[in-house]
Amino acid sequence: MKEYFVFDERLGIQLPSIELEWDELSDESQESILLYWENIRGAIPDRIIHLEKIINQKQAQLNDEADFQLSCQLNSEIAELASTINELWLWFRLNQNITDKMHQ
């Protein structure tokens, strides 16, 4: 499946990267891609939970931080993690339609 997916460092998951038109792929390839994606998609909530734990740790640090520069850095890191979570939810929900088609 490596030819159809690429690992996204920021999100921590593999994302579809299909250069051919979907109809140009064989039925077997389409089914394999959809099954592979469903496994990735199923792991997204666990990835989000992991990132939320990191946010909570950073927020706890922020509550005790007196250094302004470090506070700004922690705020920036928290914002980046929140942005990553938002994008993961988009991938999870956006591709719900694809998953639904697979089960029909």
N, C-alpha and C. Protein backbone atom coordinates (compact mmCIF):
# COMPACT_ATOMS: atom_id res chain seq x y z
N MET A 1 0.81 -1.20 0.00
CA MET A 1 0.00 0.00 0.00
C MET A 1 0.85 1.27 0.00
N LYS A 2 2.16 1.10 0.10
CA LYS A 2 3.02 2.27 0.18
C LYS A 2 2.90 3.18 -1.04
N GLU A 3 2.53 2.63 -2.19
CA GLU A 3 2.41 3.48 -3.38
C GLU A 3 1.15 4.34 -3.35
N TYR A 4 0.22 4.03 -2.45
CA TYR A 4 -1.03 4.77 -2.37
C TYR A 4 -1.16 5.65 -1.11
N PHE A 5 -0.17 5.59 -0.23
CA PHE A 5 -0.23 6.35 1.01
C PHE A 5 1.14 6.95 1.32
N VAL A 6 1.10 8.08 2.01
CA VAL A 6 2.33 8.75 2.42
C VAL A 6 2.18 9.15 3.89
N PHE A 7 3.24 8.96 4.66
CA PHE A 7 3.19 9.28 6.09
C PHE A 7 3.30 10.78 6.29
N ASP A 8 2.38 11.33 7.06
CA ASP A 8 2.38 12.75 7.40
C ASP A 8 2.96 12.89 8.81
N GLU A 9 4.14 13.48 8.90
CA GLU A 9 4.83 13.62 10.19
C GLU A 9 4.00 14.41 11.19
N ARG A 10 3.42 15.49 10.75
CA ARG A 10 2.66 16.36 11.66
C ARG A 10 1.46 15.63 12.25
N LEU A 11 0.71 14.92 11.41
CA LEU A 11 -0.49 14.24 11.88
C LEU A 11 -0.17 12.89 12.53
N GLY A 12 0.95 12.31 12.17
CA GLY A 12 1.33 11.03 12.73
C GLY A 12 0.58 9.85 12.14
N ILE A 13 0.03 10.04 10.95
CA ILE A 13 -0.69 8.95 10.26
C ILE A 13 -0.33 8.97 8.78
N GLN A 14 -0.68 7.89 8.11
CA GLN A 14 -0.52 7.84 6.66
C GLN A 14 -1.77 8.43 6.02
N LEU A 15 -1.56 9.19 4.96
CA LEU A 15 -2.66 9.80 4.23
C LEU A 15 -2.68 9.27 2.80
N PRO A 16 -3.88 9.20 2.21
CA PRO A 16 -3.97 8.75 0.82
C PRO A 16 -3.20 9.68 -0.11
N SER A 17 -2.51 9.08 -1.05
CA SER A 17 -1.78 9.82 -2.06
C SER A 17 -1.85 9.03 -3.35
N ILE A 18 -3.00 9.08 -3.98
CA ILE A 18 -3.26 8.28 -5.17
C ILE A 18 -3.15 9.17 -6.39
N GLU A 19 -2.22 8.84 -7.27
CA GLU A 19 -1.97 9.67 -8.43
C GLU A 19 -2.90 9.33 -9.60
N LEU A 20 -3.42 8.14 -9.61
CA LEU A 20 -4.34 7.74 -10.67
C LEU A 20 -5.76 8.16 -10.31
N GLU A 21 -6.60 8.25 -11.32
CA GLU A 21 -8.02 8.45 -11.07
C GLU A 21 -8.56 7.18 -10.42
N TRP A 22 -9.52 7.35 -9.52
CA TRP A 22 -10.05 6.20 -8.78
C TRP A 22 -10.55 5.11 -9.73
N ASP A 23 -11.24 5.50 -10.80
CA ASP A 23 -11.79 4.53 -11.74
C ASP A 23 -10.73 3.79 -12.54
N GLU A 24 -9.52 4.32 -12.56
CA GLU A 24 -8.43 3.67 -13.28
C GLU A 24 -7.83 2.51 -12.48
N LEU A 25 -8.13 2.46 -11.19
CA LEU A 25 -7.64 1.39 -10.34
C LEU A 25 -8.53 0.17 -10.48
N SER A 26 -7.94 -1.00 -10.34
CA SER A 26 -8.73 -2.23 -10.40
C SER A 26 -9.65 -2.30 -9.17
N ASP A 27 -10.69 -3.10 -9.28
CA ASP A 27 -11.60 -3.27 -8.14
C ASP A 27 -10.84 -3.81 -6.93
N GLU A 28 -9.90 -4.70 -7.17
CA GLU A 28 -9.11 -5.27 -6.07
C GLU A 28 -8.26 -4.20 -5.39
N SER A 29 -7.65 -3.33 -6.19
CA SER A 29 -6.84 -2.25 -5.64
C SER A 29 -7.71 -1.28 -4.84
N GLN A 30 -8.87 -0.95 -5.40
CA GLN A 30 -9.79 -0.06 -4.69
C GLN A 30 -10.18 -0.64 -3.33
N GLU A 31 -10.51 -1.91 -3.33
CA GLU A 31 -10.91 -2.56 -2.08
C GLU A 31 -9.76 -2.59 -1.08
N SER A 32 -8.56 -2.90 -1.55
CA SER A 32 -7.39 -2.93 -0.67
C SER A 32 -7.10 -1.55 -0.08
N ILE A 33 -7.20 -0.54 -0.92
CA ILE A 33 -6.96 0.84 -0.46
C ILE A 33 -8.00 1.22 0.59
N LEU A 34 -9.26 0.93 0.34
CA LEU A 34 -10.32 1.27 1.28
C LEU A 34 -10.15 0.54 2.61
N LEU A 35 -9.78 -0.72 2.56
CA LEU A 35 -9.56 -1.48 3.80
C LEU A 35 -8.36 -0.93 4.57
N TYR A 36 -7.31 -0.60 3.86
CA TYR A 36 -6.12 -0.02 4.48
C TYR A 36 -6.46 1.32 5.12
N TRP A 37 -7.20 2.16 4.39
CA TRP A 37 -7.61 3.45 4.93
C TRP A 37 -8.50 3.28 6.16
N GLU A 38 -9.41 2.31 6.13
CA GLU A 38 -10.29 2.10 7.27
C GLU A 38 -9.48 1.77 8.52
N ASN A 39 -8.41 1.03 8.38
CA ASN A 39 -7.54 0.74 9.53
C ASN A 39 -6.86 2.00 10.04
N ILE A 40 -6.38 2.83 9.14
CA ILE A 40 -5.76 4.10 9.53
C ILE A 40 -6.80 4.99 10.19
N ARG A 41 -7.93 5.12 9.55
CA ARG A 41 -9.01 5.97 10.05
C ARG A 41 -9.45 5.53 11.44
N GLY A 42 -9.50 4.23 11.66
CA GLY A 42 -9.90 3.70 12.95
C GLY A 42 -8.92 4.05 14.07
N ALA A 43 -7.68 4.33 13.71
CA ALA A 43 -6.66 4.68 14.71
C ALA A 43 -6.63 6.18 15.01
N ILE A 44 -7.33 6.98 14.23
CA ILE A 44 -7.29 8.44 14.42
C ILE A 44 -7.78 8.86 15.81
N PRO A 45 -8.89 8.32 16.31
CA PRO A 45 -9.31 8.74 17.67
C PRO A 45 -8.24 8.46 18.73
N ASP A 46 -7.53 7.35 18.62
CA ASP A 46 -6.46 7.06 19.58
C ASP A 46 -5.32 8.07 19.46
N ARG A 47 -5.02 8.47 18.25
CA ARG A 47 -3.99 9.49 18.03
C ARG A 47 -4.43 10.81 18.67
N ILE A 48 -5.69 11.15 18.51
CA ILE A 48 -6.23 12.38 19.09
C ILE A 48 -6.14 12.33 20.62
N ILE A 49 -6.51 11.21 21.21
CA ILE A 49 -6.43 11.07 22.67
C ILE A 49 -5.00 11.27 23.14
N HIS A 50 -4.04 10.71 22.42
CA HIS A 50 -2.62 10.87 22.76
C HIS A 50 -2.22 12.35 22.73
N LEU A 51 -2.63 13.06 21.70
CA LEU A 51 -2.29 14.48 21.58
C LEU A 51 -2.98 15.31 22.66
N GLU A 52 -4.21 14.93 23.01
CA GLU A 52 -4.92 15.65 24.08
C GLU A 52 -4.20 15.49 25.42
N LYS A 53 -3.62 14.33 25.65
CA LYS A 53 -2.85 14.11 26.88
C LYS A 53 -1.62 15.02 26.91
N ILE A 54 -0.98 15.17 25.77
CA ILE A 54 0.18 16.06 25.69
C ILE A 54 -0.26 17.50 25.95
N ILE A 55 -1.39 17.90 25.38
CA ILE A 55 -1.91 19.25 25.63
C ILE A 55 -2.16 19.46 27.11
N ASN A 56 -2.78 18.49 27.76
CA ASN A 56 -3.06 18.60 29.19
C ASN A 56 -1.78 18.75 30.00
N GLN A 57 -0.73 18.02 29.62
CA GLN A 57 0.55 18.14 30.31
C GLN A 57 1.13 19.54 30.12
N LYS A 58 1.06 20.03 28.91
CA LYS A 58 1.59 21.36 28.62
C LYS A 58 0.78 22.45 29.33
N GLN A 59 -0.52 22.27 29.42
CA GLN A 59 -1.36 23.23 30.14
C GLN A 59 -1.02 23.22 31.64
N ALA A 60 -0.75 22.05 32.18
CA ALA A 60 -0.34 21.98 33.59
C ALA A 60 0.99 22.70 33.79
N GLN A 61 1.91 22.52 32.84
CA GLN A 61 3.20 23.24 32.89
C GLN A 61 2.96 24.74 32.83
N LEU A 62 2.06 25.13 31.94
CA LEU A 62 1.77 26.54 31.73
C LEU A 62 1.21 27.19 33.00
N ASN A 63 0.38 26.46 33.72
CA ASN A 63 -0.21 26.98 34.95
C ASN A 63 0.85 27.32 36.00
N ASP A 64 1.97 26.59 35.97
CA ASP A 64 3.03 26.79 36.97
C ASP A 64 4.20 27.61 36.43
N GLU A 65 4.12 28.03 35.18
CA GLU A 65 5.25 28.71 34.56
C GLU A 65 5.24 30.20 34.84
N ALA A 66 6.38 30.69 35.34
CA ALA A 66 6.51 32.11 35.64
C ALA A 66 7.28 32.85 34.53
N ASP A 67 8.06 32.11 33.76
CA ASP A 67 8.87 32.70 32.69
C ASP A 67 7.98 33.02 31.49
N PHE A 68 7.92 34.30 31.11
CA PHE A 68 7.04 34.73 30.03
C PHE A 68 7.40 34.07 28.71
N GLN A 69 8.68 33.99 28.39
CA GLN A 69 9.11 33.39 27.11
C GLN A 69 8.68 31.93 27.03
N LEU A 70 8.88 31.21 28.12
CA LEU A 70 8.50 29.80 28.14
C LEU A 70 6.98 29.65 28.08
N SER A 71 6.26 30.57 28.71
CA SER A 71 4.80 30.56 28.63
C SER A 71 4.33 30.73 27.19
N CYS A 72 4.95 31.64 26.49
CA CYS A 72 4.61 31.87 25.08
C CYS A 72 4.91 30.64 24.24
N GLN A 73 6.04 30.00 24.50
CA GLN A 73 6.40 28.79 23.77
C GLN A 73 5.39 27.67 24.05
N LEU A 74 5.02 27.49 25.31
CA LEU A 74 4.03 26.46 25.65
C LEU A 74 2.69 26.75 24.98
N ASN A 75 2.27 28.02 24.98
CA ASN A 75 1.02 28.39 24.30
C ASN A 75 1.08 28.06 22.82
N SER A 76 2.20 28.33 22.20
CA SER A 76 2.39 28.04 20.78
C SER A 76 2.31 26.53 20.52
N GLU A 77 2.96 25.76 21.36
CA GLU A 77 2.95 24.30 21.21
C GLU A 77 1.53 23.75 21.40
N ILE A 78 0.82 24.29 22.38
CA ILE A 78 -0.57 23.86 22.61
C ILE A 78 -1.43 24.18 21.40
N ALA A 79 -1.26 25.37 20.84
CA ALA A 79 -2.03 25.76 19.66
C ALA A 79 -1.73 24.85 18.47
N GLU A 80 -0.47 24.50 18.30
CA GLU A 80 -0.09 23.60 17.19
C GLU A 80 -0.71 22.22 17.37
N LEU A 81 -0.67 21.71 18.59
CA LEU A 81 -1.28 20.41 18.87
C LEU A 81 -2.79 20.45 18.64
N ALA A 82 -3.43 21.54 19.06
CA ALA A 82 -4.87 21.69 18.85
C ALA A 82 -5.20 21.74 17.36
N SER A 83 -4.36 22.40 16.59
CA SER A 83 -4.54 22.46 15.15
C SER A 83 -4.41 21.06 14.53
N THR A 84 -3.46 20.30 15.01
CA THR A 84 -3.26 18.94 14.52
C THR A 84 -4.48 18.09 14.83
N ILE A 85 -5.01 18.22 16.04
CA ILE A 85 -6.22 17.47 16.42
C ILE A 85 -7.38 17.85 15.50
N ASN A 86 -7.54 19.13 15.24
CA ASN A 86 -8.61 19.58 14.36
C ASN A 86 -8.47 18.95 12.97
N GLU A 87 -7.27 18.94 12.45
CA GLU A 87 -7.06 18.36 11.11
C GLU A 87 -7.31 16.85 11.12
N LEU A 88 -6.92 16.18 12.19
CA LEU A 88 -7.19 14.74 12.29
C LEU A 88 -8.69 14.47 12.29
N TRP A 89 -9.45 15.29 13.03
CA TRP A 89 -10.90 15.11 13.03
C TRP A 89 -11.47 15.35 11.64
N LEU A 90 -10.92 16.31 10.91
CA LEU A 90 -11.39 16.55 9.54
C LEU A 90 -11.16 15.32 8.67
N TRP A 91 -9.98 14.74 8.75
CA TRP A 91 -9.70 13.52 7.98
C TRP A 91 -10.63 12.39 8.40
N PHE A 92 -10.86 12.29 9.69
CA PHE A 92 -11.72 11.22 10.19
C PHE A 92 -13.14 11.38 9.66
N ARG A 93 -13.68 12.58 9.71
CA ARG A 93 -15.08 12.83 9.30
C ARG A 93 -15.23 12.95 7.79
N LEU A 94 -14.29 13.61 7.15
CA LEU A 94 -14.37 13.82 5.71
C LEU A 94 -14.44 12.49 4.97
N ASN A 95 -13.70 11.55 5.42
CA ASN A 95 -13.61 10.27 4.73
C ASN A 95 -14.64 9.27 5.21
N GLN A 96 -15.58 9.70 6.04
CA GLN A 96 -16.68 8.84 6.47
C GLN A 96 -17.47 8.37 5.25
N ASN A 97 -17.64 9.27 4.26
CA ASN A 97 -18.40 8.91 3.05
C ASN A 97 -17.72 7.79 2.29
N ILE A 98 -16.41 7.81 2.23
CA ILE A 98 -15.67 6.75 1.54
C ILE A 98 -15.89 5.43 2.26
N THR A 99 -15.78 5.46 3.58
CA THR A 99 -15.97 4.26 4.37
C THR A 99 -17.39 3.72 4.22
N ASP A 100 -18.36 4.61 4.20
CA ASP A 100 -19.75 4.18 4.02
C ASP A 100 -19.93 3.48 2.68
N LYS A 101 -19.29 3.99 1.64
CA LYS A 101 -19.40 3.37 0.31
C LYS A 101 -18.81 1.97 0.33
N MET A 102 -17.74 1.80 1.09
CA MET A 102 -17.08 0.49 1.16
C MET A 102 -18.02 -0.56 1.74
N HIS A 103 -18.88 -0.15 2.67
CA HIS A 103 -19.76 -1.10 3.34
C HIS A 103 -21.07 -1.33 2.61
N GLN A 104 -21.28 -0.65 1.49
CA GLN A 104 -22.53 -0.83 0.74
C GLN A 104 -22.43 -1.97 -0.23
